[in-house]
Amino acid sequence: MKHLLLVRHAKSSWANAGQDDFDRPLNERGHKDAPMMAKRILDRGIKIDSIITSTALRALTTAEYFAHANEIPKSKMIQHDFLYHAPPERFAKAIVLLPDEINTAAIFAHNPGITDFVNQLTSTQIDDMPTCAIFAITMHTTSWKNWAKAKKEYWFADWPKQV
């Protein structure tokens, strides 16, 4: 059994209108929500084994909060340029690259691609992944390379404003 958490980056700052989209940092709310959501995962008893992230600053910073909570050194985070504004097929590319000793992985990326991807995985649909939202599935497989054919089941979804 493998577990996959798909996480949209936390709220980003639009304070500098001329700033390149790739380099936008988190805003104050993003810096509050990311560690809170990382703690919620731990409170569920979930230990993330691997962090995979877009290299865009807002996704990378969000992923760093989760890495810290799970005691994963920044040097062990997997960073993929191809996850920046990725269409669904790029998420598949990141998944099949995971080593099989990883049981629970989290991928950090952007809308609209992350919402499109999660809506292809199970019958559970989400209109729009809010910032710092987590959509989790379980997969009946022992190898990430088999993820496309593996039976996938909705596990849970959570986001900062969910009560």
N, C-alpha and C. Protein backbone atom coordinates (compact mmCIF):
# COMPACT_ATOMS: atom_id res chain seq x y z
N MET A 1 0.85 -1.18 0.00
CA MET A 1 0.00 0.00 0.00
C MET A 1 0.90 1.24 0.00
N LYS A 2 0.57 2.19 -0.85
CA LYS A 2 1.27 3.47 -0.91
C LYS A 2 0.25 4.58 -0.61
N HIS A 3 0.75 5.66 -0.05
CA HIS A 3 -0.10 6.81 0.28
C HIS A 3 0.48 8.04 -0.40
N LEU A 4 -0.39 8.82 -1.03
CA LEU A 4 0.04 10.02 -1.75
C LEU A 4 -0.78 11.21 -1.27
N LEU A 5 -0.07 12.25 -0.87
CA LEU A 5 -0.69 13.51 -0.48
C LEU A 5 -0.35 14.55 -1.53
N LEU A 6 -1.35 15.19 -2.07
CA LEU A 6 -1.14 16.26 -3.03
C LEU A 6 -1.48 17.57 -2.33
N VAL A 7 -0.52 18.48 -2.32
CA VAL A 7 -0.65 19.71 -1.54
C VAL A 7 -0.46 20.91 -2.46
N ARG A 8 -1.45 21.78 -2.45
CA ARG A 8 -1.29 23.05 -3.16
C ARG A 8 -0.48 23.98 -2.25
N HIS A 9 0.38 24.77 -2.83
CA HIS A 9 1.19 25.70 -2.04
C HIS A 9 0.31 26.61 -1.19
N ALA A 10 0.87 27.13 -0.11
CA ALA A 10 0.16 28.05 0.77
C ALA A 10 -0.01 29.41 0.08
N LYS A 11 -0.78 30.27 0.70
CA LYS A 11 -1.13 31.59 0.14
C LYS A 11 0.14 32.40 -0.15
N SER A 12 0.20 32.90 -1.38
CA SER A 12 1.38 33.67 -1.78
C SER A 12 1.12 35.17 -1.74
N SER A 13 2.20 35.90 -1.75
CA SER A 13 2.15 37.35 -1.66
C SER A 13 2.06 37.99 -3.04
N TRP A 14 1.21 38.98 -3.13
CA TRP A 14 1.09 39.78 -4.35
C TRP A 14 1.54 41.22 -4.05
N ALA A 15 2.33 41.41 -2.99
CA ALA A 15 2.76 42.75 -2.56
C ALA A 15 3.60 43.45 -3.61
N ASN A 16 4.38 42.69 -4.35
CA ASN A 16 5.23 43.26 -5.40
C ASN A 16 4.63 42.89 -6.75
N ALA A 17 3.82 43.76 -7.30
CA ALA A 17 3.08 43.47 -8.54
C ALA A 17 4.00 43.14 -9.72
N GLY A 18 5.19 43.66 -9.73
CA GLY A 18 6.11 43.42 -10.84
C GLY A 18 6.96 42.17 -10.68
N GLN A 19 6.80 41.48 -9.57
CA GLN A 19 7.63 40.31 -9.29
C GLN A 19 7.27 39.16 -10.22
N ASP A 20 8.28 38.43 -10.66
CA ASP A 20 8.07 37.26 -11.49
C ASP A 20 7.25 36.23 -10.72
N ASP A 21 6.28 35.62 -11.36
CA ASP A 21 5.39 34.66 -10.72
C ASP A 21 6.16 33.53 -10.03
N PHE A 22 7.20 33.04 -10.65
CA PHE A 22 7.99 31.93 -10.12
C PHE A 22 8.61 32.28 -8.76
N ASP A 23 8.94 33.56 -8.56
CA ASP A 23 9.66 34.01 -7.37
C ASP A 23 8.76 34.58 -6.27
N ARG A 24 7.43 34.45 -6.44
CA ARG A 24 6.55 35.01 -5.41
C ARG A 24 6.67 34.23 -4.10
N PRO A 25 6.88 34.94 -2.99
CA PRO A 25 6.98 34.28 -1.68
C PRO A 25 5.60 34.03 -1.08
N LEU A 26 5.58 33.38 0.06
CA LEU A 26 4.34 33.24 0.82
C LEU A 26 4.03 34.56 1.51
N ASN A 27 2.75 34.82 1.70
CA ASN A 27 2.38 36.00 2.50
C ASN A 27 2.25 35.56 3.97
N GLU A 28 1.81 36.48 4.82
CA GLU A 28 1.72 36.19 6.26
C GLU A 28 0.80 34.99 6.53
N ARG A 29 -0.34 34.96 5.83
CA ARG A 29 -1.27 33.84 6.02
C ARG A 29 -0.65 32.52 5.57
N GLY A 30 0.10 32.57 4.48
CA GLY A 30 0.78 31.36 4.00
C GLY A 30 1.78 30.82 5.01
N HIS A 31 2.52 31.74 5.65
CA HIS A 31 3.50 31.32 6.67
C HIS A 31 2.81 30.80 7.94
N LYS A 32 1.54 31.13 8.13
CA LYS A 32 0.77 30.61 9.26
C LYS A 32 0.12 29.27 8.89
N ASP A 33 -0.45 29.19 7.68
CA ASP A 33 -1.18 27.99 7.27
C ASP A 33 -0.29 26.78 7.03
N ALA A 34 0.87 26.98 6.42
CA ALA A 34 1.72 25.83 6.06
C ALA A 34 2.14 25.01 7.29
N PRO A 35 2.69 25.63 8.35
CA PRO A 35 3.04 24.81 9.51
C PRO A 35 1.81 24.22 10.22
N MET A 36 0.68 24.95 10.18
CA MET A 36 -0.55 24.44 10.78
C MET A 36 -1.00 23.16 10.06
N MET A 37 -0.96 23.17 8.74
CA MET A 37 -1.39 22.01 7.97
C MET A 37 -0.40 20.85 8.13
N ALA A 38 0.87 21.16 8.24
CA ALA A 38 1.87 20.11 8.49
C ALA A 38 1.58 19.43 9.82
N LYS A 39 1.22 20.22 10.82
CA LYS A 39 0.88 19.67 12.14
C LYS A 39 -0.39 18.83 12.06
N ARG A 40 -1.36 19.26 11.27
CA ARG A 40 -2.60 18.48 11.15
C ARG A 40 -2.31 17.08 10.60
N ILE A 41 -1.37 16.99 9.68
CA ILE A 41 -0.99 15.69 9.12
C ILE A 41 -0.39 14.82 10.23
N LEU A 42 0.51 15.40 11.01
CA LEU A 42 1.12 14.65 12.11
C LEU A 42 0.06 14.25 13.14
N ASP A 43 -0.90 15.15 13.40
CA ASP A 43 -1.98 14.85 14.35
C ASP A 43 -2.84 13.68 13.88
N ARG A 44 -2.87 13.43 12.58
CA ARG A 44 -3.61 12.28 12.03
C ARG A 44 -2.78 10.99 12.16
N GLY A 45 -1.54 11.13 12.63
CA GLY A 45 -0.67 9.97 12.75
C GLY A 45 0.03 9.61 11.45
N ILE A 46 0.09 10.56 10.53
CA ILE A 46 0.72 10.33 9.22
C ILE A 46 2.14 10.88 9.24
N LYS A 47 3.09 10.03 8.87
CA LYS A 47 4.49 10.42 8.75
C LYS A 47 4.84 10.40 7.27
N ILE A 48 5.18 11.54 6.74
CA ILE A 48 5.58 11.65 5.33
C ILE A 48 7.02 11.17 5.20
N ASP A 49 7.26 10.27 4.24
CA ASP A 49 8.61 9.74 3.99
C ASP A 49 9.38 10.57 2.97
N SER A 50 8.65 11.18 2.04
CA SER A 50 9.32 11.90 0.96
C SER A 50 8.52 13.13 0.56
N ILE A 51 9.24 14.22 0.30
CA ILE A 51 8.66 15.48 -0.14
C ILE A 51 9.13 15.73 -1.56
N ILE A 52 8.18 15.94 -2.47
CA ILE A 52 8.47 16.25 -3.86
C ILE A 52 7.83 17.60 -4.13
N THR A 53 8.57 18.54 -4.71
CA THR A 53 8.02 19.88 -4.85
C THR A 53 8.42 20.57 -6.15
N SER A 54 7.55 21.45 -6.57
CA SER A 54 7.87 22.41 -7.62
C SER A 54 9.00 23.28 -7.07
N THR A 55 9.80 23.80 -7.95
CA THR A 55 10.91 24.67 -7.53
C THR A 55 10.49 26.14 -7.39
N ALA A 56 9.24 26.47 -7.69
CA ALA A 56 8.76 27.84 -7.50
C ALA A 56 8.80 28.14 -6.00
N LEU A 57 9.18 29.36 -5.64
CA LEU A 57 9.42 29.73 -4.25
C LEU A 57 8.26 29.41 -3.32
N ARG A 58 7.02 29.71 -3.72
CA ARG A 58 5.88 29.50 -2.83
C ARG A 58 5.63 28.02 -2.56
N ALA A 59 5.84 27.16 -3.54
CA ALA A 59 5.68 25.71 -3.34
C ALA A 59 6.83 25.17 -2.51
N LEU A 60 8.03 25.60 -2.83
CA LEU A 60 9.22 25.15 -2.11
C LEU A 60 9.15 25.54 -0.63
N THR A 61 8.72 26.75 -0.34
CA THR A 61 8.61 27.20 1.05
C THR A 61 7.55 26.41 1.80
N THR A 62 6.41 26.16 1.16
CA THR A 62 5.36 25.35 1.78
C THR A 62 5.90 23.96 2.08
N ALA A 63 6.58 23.36 1.12
CA ALA A 63 7.15 22.02 1.29
C ALA A 63 8.17 21.99 2.43
N GLU A 64 8.93 23.06 2.59
CA GLU A 64 9.92 23.11 3.67
C GLU A 64 9.27 23.05 5.05
N TYR A 65 8.10 23.66 5.21
CA TYR A 65 7.39 23.56 6.49
C TYR A 65 7.01 22.10 6.78
N PHE A 66 6.53 21.38 5.77
CA PHE A 66 6.15 19.98 5.95
C PHE A 66 7.39 19.12 6.17
N ALA A 67 8.47 19.42 5.48
CA ALA A 67 9.72 18.67 5.66
C ALA A 67 10.22 18.84 7.10
N HIS A 68 10.19 20.06 7.59
CA HIS A 68 10.62 20.32 8.96
C HIS A 68 9.78 19.53 9.96
N ALA A 69 8.47 19.54 9.79
CA ALA A 69 7.57 18.82 10.70
C ALA A 69 7.81 17.31 10.67
N ASN A 70 8.26 16.80 9.53
CA ASN A 70 8.49 15.37 9.36
C ASN A 70 9.96 14.98 9.49
N GLU A 71 10.77 15.95 9.91
CA GLU A 71 12.21 15.73 10.11
C GLU A 71 12.90 15.21 8.85
N ILE A 72 12.52 15.79 7.72
CA ILE A 72 13.16 15.48 6.45
C ILE A 72 14.10 16.64 6.13
N PRO A 73 15.40 16.40 6.03
CA PRO A 73 16.32 17.49 5.72
C PRO A 73 16.01 18.11 4.36
N LYS A 74 16.21 19.42 4.25
CA LYS A 74 15.97 20.10 2.97
C LYS A 74 16.75 19.44 1.84
N SER A 75 17.94 18.94 2.17
CA SER A 75 18.78 18.29 1.15
C SER A 75 18.15 17.01 0.61
N LYS A 76 17.19 16.44 1.32
CA LYS A 76 16.53 15.20 0.88
C LYS A 76 15.21 15.47 0.14
N MET A 77 14.80 16.74 0.09
CA MET A 77 13.58 17.07 -0.66
C MET A 77 13.87 16.90 -2.15
N ILE A 78 12.91 16.34 -2.87
CA ILE A 78 13.05 16.17 -4.32
C ILE A 78 12.41 17.38 -4.99
N GLN A 79 13.19 18.09 -5.80
CA GLN A 79 12.69 19.28 -6.47
C GLN A 79 12.65 19.04 -7.98
N HIS A 80 11.49 19.35 -8.57
CA HIS A 80 11.32 19.18 -10.02
C HIS A 80 10.84 20.49 -10.64
N ASP A 81 11.63 21.04 -11.54
CA ASP A 81 11.19 22.22 -12.29
C ASP A 81 9.90 21.95 -13.04
N PHE A 82 9.71 20.71 -13.50
CA PHE A 82 8.56 20.39 -14.34
C PHE A 82 7.23 20.40 -13.57
N LEU A 83 7.27 20.57 -12.25
CA LEU A 83 6.02 20.67 -11.48
C LEU A 83 5.49 22.09 -11.39
N TYR A 84 6.24 23.06 -11.90
CA TYR A 84 5.77 24.45 -11.91
C TYR A 84 4.66 24.57 -12.94
N HIS A 85 3.45 24.92 -12.51
CA HIS A 85 2.26 25.00 -13.37
C HIS A 85 2.12 23.74 -14.23
N ALA A 86 2.25 22.61 -13.58
CA ALA A 86 2.27 21.32 -14.28
C ALA A 86 0.88 20.85 -14.67
N PRO A 87 0.77 20.30 -15.89
CA PRO A 87 -0.47 19.59 -16.25
C PRO A 87 -0.43 18.21 -15.58
N PRO A 88 -1.56 17.51 -15.54
CA PRO A 88 -1.63 16.23 -14.82
C PRO A 88 -0.55 15.21 -15.17
N GLU A 89 -0.17 15.11 -16.41
CA GLU A 89 0.82 14.08 -16.79
C GLU A 89 2.18 14.30 -16.14
N ARG A 90 2.49 15.52 -15.74
CA ARG A 90 3.77 15.76 -15.07
C ARG A 90 3.76 15.25 -13.63
N PHE A 91 2.60 15.22 -13.01
CA PHE A 91 2.51 14.63 -11.67
C PHE A 91 2.82 13.14 -11.77
N ALA A 92 2.30 12.49 -12.81
CA ALA A 92 2.57 11.07 -13.03
C ALA A 92 4.06 10.84 -13.20
N LYS A 93 4.73 11.72 -13.89
CA LYS A 93 6.17 11.61 -14.10
C LYS A 93 6.91 11.65 -12.76
N ALA A 94 6.49 12.54 -11.87
CA ALA A 94 7.13 12.65 -10.54
C ALA A 94 6.87 11.39 -9.71
N ILE A 95 5.69 10.84 -9.81
CA ILE A 95 5.31 9.66 -9.01
C ILE A 95 6.13 8.44 -9.40
N VAL A 96 6.26 8.17 -10.69
CA VAL A 96 6.98 6.95 -11.11
C VAL A 96 8.47 7.03 -10.81
N LEU A 97 8.99 8.20 -10.53
CA LEU A 97 10.40 8.35 -10.18
C LEU A 97 10.69 8.04 -8.72
N LEU A 98 9.64 7.88 -7.90
CA LEU A 98 9.84 7.62 -6.47
C LEU A 98 10.39 6.21 -6.23
N PRO A 99 11.35 6.09 -5.31
CA PRO A 99 11.84 4.75 -4.97
C PRO A 99 10.78 4.00 -4.14
N ASP A 100 10.74 2.70 -4.29
CA ASP A 100 9.70 1.89 -3.67
C ASP A 100 9.80 1.80 -2.16
N GLU A 101 10.95 2.14 -1.57
CA GLU A 101 11.03 2.12 -0.10
C GLU A 101 10.24 3.26 0.53
N ILE A 102 9.82 4.23 -0.27
CA ILE A 102 8.96 5.32 0.19
C ILE A 102 7.52 4.80 0.23
N ASN A 103 6.86 4.96 1.37
CA ASN A 103 5.47 4.52 1.48
C ASN A 103 4.48 5.67 1.45
N THR A 104 4.87 6.83 2.00
CA THR A 104 4.00 7.99 2.01
C THR A 104 4.76 9.18 1.44
N ALA A 105 4.26 9.70 0.33
CA ALA A 105 4.91 10.82 -0.35
C ALA A 105 3.94 11.99 -0.44
N ALA A 106 4.48 13.19 -0.43
CA ALA A 106 3.68 14.41 -0.60
C ALA A 106 4.26 15.21 -1.75
N ILE A 107 3.38 15.62 -2.66
CA ILE A 107 3.78 16.44 -3.80
C ILE A 107 3.19 17.83 -3.62
N PHE A 108 4.02 18.86 -3.77
CA PHE A 108 3.63 20.25 -3.61
C PHE A 108 3.69 20.95 -4.96
N ALA A 109 2.54 21.52 -5.36
CA ALA A 109 2.48 22.13 -6.68
C ALA A 109 1.41 23.22 -6.72
N HIS A 110 0.90 23.50 -7.92
CA HIS A 110 0.10 24.69 -8.19
C HIS A 110 -1.22 24.34 -8.88
N ASN A 111 -2.16 25.27 -8.75
CA ASN A 111 -3.39 25.22 -9.54
C ASN A 111 -3.12 25.84 -10.91
N PRO A 112 -3.83 25.47 -11.93
CA PRO A 112 -4.98 24.55 -11.94
C PRO A 112 -4.58 23.08 -12.06
N GLY A 113 -3.31 22.80 -12.34
CA GLY A 113 -2.87 21.43 -12.59
C GLY A 113 -3.12 20.47 -11.46
N ILE A 114 -2.91 20.90 -10.22
CA ILE A 114 -3.08 19.99 -9.09
C ILE A 114 -4.55 19.60 -8.92
N THR A 115 -5.46 20.55 -9.13
CA THR A 115 -6.90 20.23 -9.06
C THR A 115 -7.27 19.28 -10.19
N ASP A 116 -6.79 19.55 -11.39
CA ASP A 116 -7.06 18.66 -12.53
C ASP A 116 -6.57 17.24 -12.24
N PHE A 117 -5.37 17.14 -11.66
CA PHE A 117 -4.79 15.84 -11.37
C PHE A 117 -5.60 15.08 -10.32
N VAL A 118 -5.92 15.72 -9.19
CA VAL A 118 -6.65 14.99 -8.14
C VAL A 118 -8.02 14.53 -8.64
N ASN A 119 -8.61 15.28 -9.55
CA ASN A 119 -9.92 14.89 -10.07
C ASN A 119 -9.86 13.72 -11.04
N GLN A 120 -8.67 13.32 -11.43
CA GLN A 120 -8.49 12.14 -12.29
C GLN A 120 -8.24 10.87 -11.48
N LEU A 121 -8.00 11.02 -10.19
CA LEU A 121 -7.52 9.89 -9.39
C LEU A 121 -8.61 8.99 -8.83
N THR A 122 -9.69 9.57 -8.33
CA THR A 122 -10.77 8.79 -7.71
C THR A 122 -12.11 9.40 -8.11
N SER A 123 -13.17 8.81 -7.62
CA SER A 123 -14.50 9.37 -7.91
C SER A 123 -14.79 10.60 -7.06
N THR A 124 -13.98 10.84 -6.03
CA THR A 124 -14.15 12.03 -5.19
C THR A 124 -13.58 13.23 -5.94
N GLN A 125 -14.40 14.22 -6.14
CA GLN A 125 -14.02 15.39 -6.92
C GLN A 125 -13.95 16.62 -6.02
N ILE A 126 -13.10 17.55 -6.40
CA ILE A 126 -12.95 18.81 -5.67
C ILE A 126 -13.02 19.93 -6.70
N ASP A 127 -13.83 20.95 -6.42
CA ASP A 127 -14.00 22.03 -7.39
C ASP A 127 -12.70 22.78 -7.65
N ASP A 128 -12.02 23.13 -6.57
CA ASP A 128 -10.80 23.93 -6.68
C ASP A 128 -10.00 23.73 -5.41
N MET A 129 -8.77 23.29 -5.55
CA MET A 129 -7.92 23.10 -4.37
C MET A 129 -7.59 24.46 -3.77
N PRO A 130 -8.06 24.76 -2.57
CA PRO A 130 -7.69 26.03 -1.93
C PRO A 130 -6.19 26.04 -1.61
N THR A 131 -5.65 27.22 -1.32
CA THR A 131 -4.24 27.27 -0.95
C THR A 131 -4.00 26.43 0.30
N CYS A 132 -2.91 25.70 0.27
CA CYS A 132 -2.46 24.81 1.34
C CYS A 132 -3.40 23.63 1.58
N ALA A 133 -4.26 23.33 0.60
CA ALA A 133 -5.14 22.17 0.70
C ALA A 133 -4.34 20.89 0.48
N ILE A 134 -4.84 19.82 1.12
CA ILE A 134 -4.25 18.50 0.98
C ILE A 134 -5.34 17.56 0.49
N PHE A 135 -5.03 16.81 -0.57
CA PHE A 135 -5.92 15.77 -1.08
C PHE A 135 -5.12 14.48 -1.01
N ALA A 136 -5.61 13.50 -0.26
CA ALA A 136 -4.83 12.28 -0.02
C ALA A 136 -5.54 11.05 -0.56
N ILE A 137 -4.73 10.15 -1.12
CA ILE A 137 -5.26 8.88 -1.63
C ILE A 137 -4.38 7.73 -1.14
N THR A 138 -4.96 6.55 -1.13
CA THR A 138 -4.20 5.32 -0.92
C THR A 138 -4.20 4.57 -2.23
N MET A 139 -3.11 3.87 -2.48
CA MET A 139 -2.98 3.11 -3.72
C MET A 139 -2.61 1.67 -3.37
N HIS A 140 -3.30 0.76 -3.99
CA HIS A 140 -3.06 -0.67 -3.76
C HIS A 140 -1.94 -1.14 -4.69
N THR A 141 -0.72 -0.87 -4.26
CA THR A 141 0.46 -1.28 -5.01
C THR A 141 1.65 -1.27 -4.07
N THR A 142 2.69 -1.99 -4.43
CA THR A 142 3.94 -1.95 -3.68
C THR A 142 5.00 -1.17 -4.43
N SER A 143 4.69 -0.75 -5.65
CA SER A 143 5.66 -0.02 -6.47
C SER A 143 5.02 1.23 -7.06
N TRP A 144 5.70 2.35 -6.91
CA TRP A 144 5.22 3.61 -7.49
C TRP A 144 5.16 3.52 -9.01
N LYS A 145 5.98 2.68 -9.61
CA LYS A 145 5.97 2.55 -11.07
C LYS A 145 4.64 1.99 -11.58
N ASN A 146 3.90 1.30 -10.71
CA ASN A 146 2.61 0.71 -11.07
C ASN A 146 1.43 1.62 -10.72
N TRP A 147 1.70 2.86 -10.33
CA TRP A 147 0.66 3.73 -9.80
C TRP A 147 -0.50 3.91 -10.79
N ALA A 148 -0.22 3.99 -12.09
CA ALA A 148 -1.28 4.27 -13.07
C ALA A 148 -2.34 3.17 -13.09
N LYS A 149 -1.92 1.92 -12.92
CA LYS A 149 -2.85 0.80 -12.96
C LYS A 149 -3.37 0.41 -11.58
N ALA A 150 -2.75 0.93 -10.54
CA ALA A 150 -3.13 0.56 -9.17
C ALA A 150 -4.51 1.11 -8.82
N LYS A 151 -5.24 0.33 -8.02
CA LYS A 151 -6.52 0.81 -7.51
C LYS A 151 -6.23 1.97 -6.55
N LYS A 152 -6.95 3.07 -6.74
CA LYS A 152 -6.76 4.26 -5.92
C LYS A 152 -8.04 4.54 -5.16
N GLU A 153 -7.88 4.90 -3.88
CA GLU A 153 -9.03 5.22 -3.05
C GLU A 153 -8.81 6.57 -2.38
N TYR A 154 -9.87 7.36 -2.36
CA TYR A 154 -9.85 8.63 -1.64
C TYR A 154 -9.58 8.34 -0.17
N TRP A 155 -8.66 9.08 0.44
CA TRP A 155 -8.33 8.89 1.86
C TRP A 155 -8.92 10.04 2.67
N PHE A 156 -8.55 11.29 2.34
CA PHE A 156 -9.11 12.45 3.00
C PHE A 156 -8.70 13.71 2.25
N ALA A 157 -9.38 14.80 2.56
CA ALA A 157 -8.99 16.12 2.08
C ALA A 157 -9.06 17.06 3.27
N ASP A 158 -8.18 18.04 3.29
CA ASP A 158 -8.15 19.02 4.37
C ASP A 158 -7.58 20.32 3.82
N TRP A 159 -8.02 21.41 4.39
CA TRP A 159 -7.50 22.73 4.00
C TRP A 159 -7.64 23.65 5.19
N PRO A 160 -6.91 24.75 5.18
CA PRO A 160 -6.86 25.62 6.38
C PRO A 160 -8.21 26.08 6.91
N LYS A 161 -9.15 26.41 6.08
CA LYS A 161 -10.42 26.95 6.56
C LYS A 161 -11.47 25.87 6.82
N GLN A 162 -11.11 24.61 6.63
CA GLN A 162 -12.05 23.53 6.90
C GLN A 162 -12.24 23.42 8.40
N VAL A 163 -13.47 23.31 8.82
CA VAL A 163 -13.76 23.22 10.26
C VAL A 163 -14.18 21.81 10.61
